[in-house]
Amino acid sequence: SLCAAAAPNLSYQELKDLKKANVLHIDVRERWEIDRFGKIPESINIPLGELMEALQMDPTEFKEQYNQNMPSKSDPVVFSCLAGTRSKQALGFAMSLGFS
């Protein structure tokens, strides 16, 4: 399930359309889940347990760790997980850090 503040649930097709508009897609599943079930193209994997720390990193450190530019607090970001629970938690974490 996918979660965004404006639209709490997105279909995979809606996500594909959003990705064309340079939305950063963060998959908050654990690494073993990515290995077992596969990676969504052009997403970056930041397990939920690392997310708070990752979103507060120095941008250079973020780029080194995740091979992606760190989102600014106003950049569009979509979180996904397996069932929607962790992506909702991720959204709460991001908003608590000032992401809009």
Protein backbone atom coordinates (compact mmCIF):
# COMPACT_ATOMS: atom_id res chain seq x y z
CA SER A 1 0.00 0.00 0.00
CA LEU A 2 1.12 3.51 -0.76
CA CYS A 3 0.55 6.58 1.33
CA ALA A 4 0.65 10.32 0.58
CA ALA A 5 -0.67 13.18 2.69
CA ALA A 6 -2.99 14.52 0.00
CA ALA A 7 -4.26 11.09 -1.06
CA PRO A 8 -3.80 8.54 1.74
CA ASN A 9 -3.88 5.59 -0.66
CA LEU A 10 -2.53 5.44 -4.19
CA SER A 11 -2.84 2.72 -6.78
CA TYR A 12 0.29 1.43 -8.46
CA GLN A 13 -0.78 3.22 -11.67
CA GLU A 14 -1.16 6.52 -9.76
CA LEU A 15 2.32 6.00 -8.34
CA LYS A 16 3.73 5.35 -11.82
CA ASP A 17 2.12 8.61 -13.00
CA LEU A 18 3.51 10.50 -10.00
CA LYS A 19 7.01 9.12 -10.61
CA LYS A 20 7.00 10.82 -14.03
CA ALA A 21 6.70 14.11 -12.11
CA ASN A 22 9.91 13.54 -10.10
CA VAL A 23 8.30 12.32 -6.90
CA LEU A 24 10.77 10.63 -4.56
CA HIS A 25 9.51 7.14 -3.71
CA ILE A 26 10.79 5.73 -0.42
CA ASP A 27 10.07 2.06 0.26
CA VAL A 28 10.16 1.57 4.05
CA ARG A 29 10.15 -2.24 4.00
CA GLU A 30 13.04 -4.17 5.52
CA ARG A 31 15.94 -5.11 3.22
CA TRP A 32 15.07 -8.83 3.44
CA GLU A 33 11.57 -8.01 2.14
CA ILE A 34 13.08 -6.21 -0.87
CA ASP A 35 15.33 -9.23 -1.49
CA ARG A 36 12.43 -11.67 -1.19
CA PHE A 37 9.60 -9.76 -2.88
CA GLY A 38 11.48 -7.42 -5.21
CA LYS A 39 12.17 -3.73 -5.55
CA ILE A 40 9.75 -1.24 -7.06
CA PRO A 41 11.62 0.43 -9.94
CA GLU A 42 13.20 3.80 -9.09
CA SER A 43 12.32 3.57 -5.41
CA ILE A 44 14.90 3.89 -2.66
CA ASN A 45 14.81 1.54 0.29
CA ILE A 46 15.06 3.15 3.72
CA PRO A 47 13.72 0.70 6.33
CA LEU A 48 11.27 2.36 8.71
CA GLY A 49 13.70 1.96 11.62
CA GLU A 50 16.28 4.11 9.77
CA LEU A 51 13.89 6.71 8.39
CA MET A 52 13.98 9.33 11.19
CA GLU A 53 17.77 9.32 11.15
CA ALA A 54 17.93 9.34 7.34
CA LEU A 55 15.61 12.35 7.00
CA GLN A 56 17.84 14.30 9.40
CA MET A 57 21.16 13.43 7.73
CA ASP A 58 23.51 15.86 6.11
CA PRO A 59 22.56 15.83 2.38
CA THR A 60 26.04 14.61 1.40
CA GLU A 61 25.81 11.71 3.84
CA PHE A 62 22.30 10.87 2.57
CA LYS A 63 23.55 10.80 -1.03
CA GLU A 64 26.47 8.52 -0.06
CA GLN A 65 24.24 6.12 1.90
CA TYR A 66 21.21 5.96 -0.41
CA ASN A 67 22.66 7.01 -3.79
CA GLN A 68 19.90 9.61 -4.17
CA ASN A 69 19.59 13.32 -3.47
CA MET A 70 18.07 14.01 -0.09
CA PRO A 71 14.54 15.41 -0.35
CA SER A 72 13.95 18.95 0.85
CA LYS A 73 11.08 19.51 3.26
CA SER A 74 8.88 20.72 0.40
CA ASP A 75 9.73 18.00 -2.15
CA PRO A 76 6.99 15.52 -3.03
CA VAL A 77 7.66 12.16 -1.36
CA VAL A 78 5.66 8.93 -1.45
CA PHE A 79 6.19 6.14 1.11
CA SER A 80 5.31 2.52 0.50
CA CYS A 81 5.42 -0.73 2.44
CA LEU A 82 3.64 -4.08 2.26
CA ALA A 83 0.25 -3.37 3.86
CA GLY A 84 0.17 0.39 4.50
CA THR A 85 0.86 0.47 8.24
CA ARG A 86 4.55 1.35 8.02
CA SER A 87 4.02 3.87 5.21
CA LYS A 88 1.51 5.72 7.42
CA GLN A 89 4.07 5.72 10.26
CA ALA A 90 6.71 6.98 7.81
CA LEU A 91 4.40 9.81 6.76
CA GLY A 92 3.91 10.74 10.41
CA PHE A 93 7.68 10.74 11.01
CA ALA A 94 8.31 12.94 7.97
CA MET A 95 5.58 15.40 8.93
CA SER A 96 6.90 15.56 12.51
CA LEU A 97 10.27 16.63 11.01
CA GLY A 98 8.60 19.45 9.08
CA PHE A 99 8.08 17.80 5.69
CA SER A 100 4.97 19.13 3.98
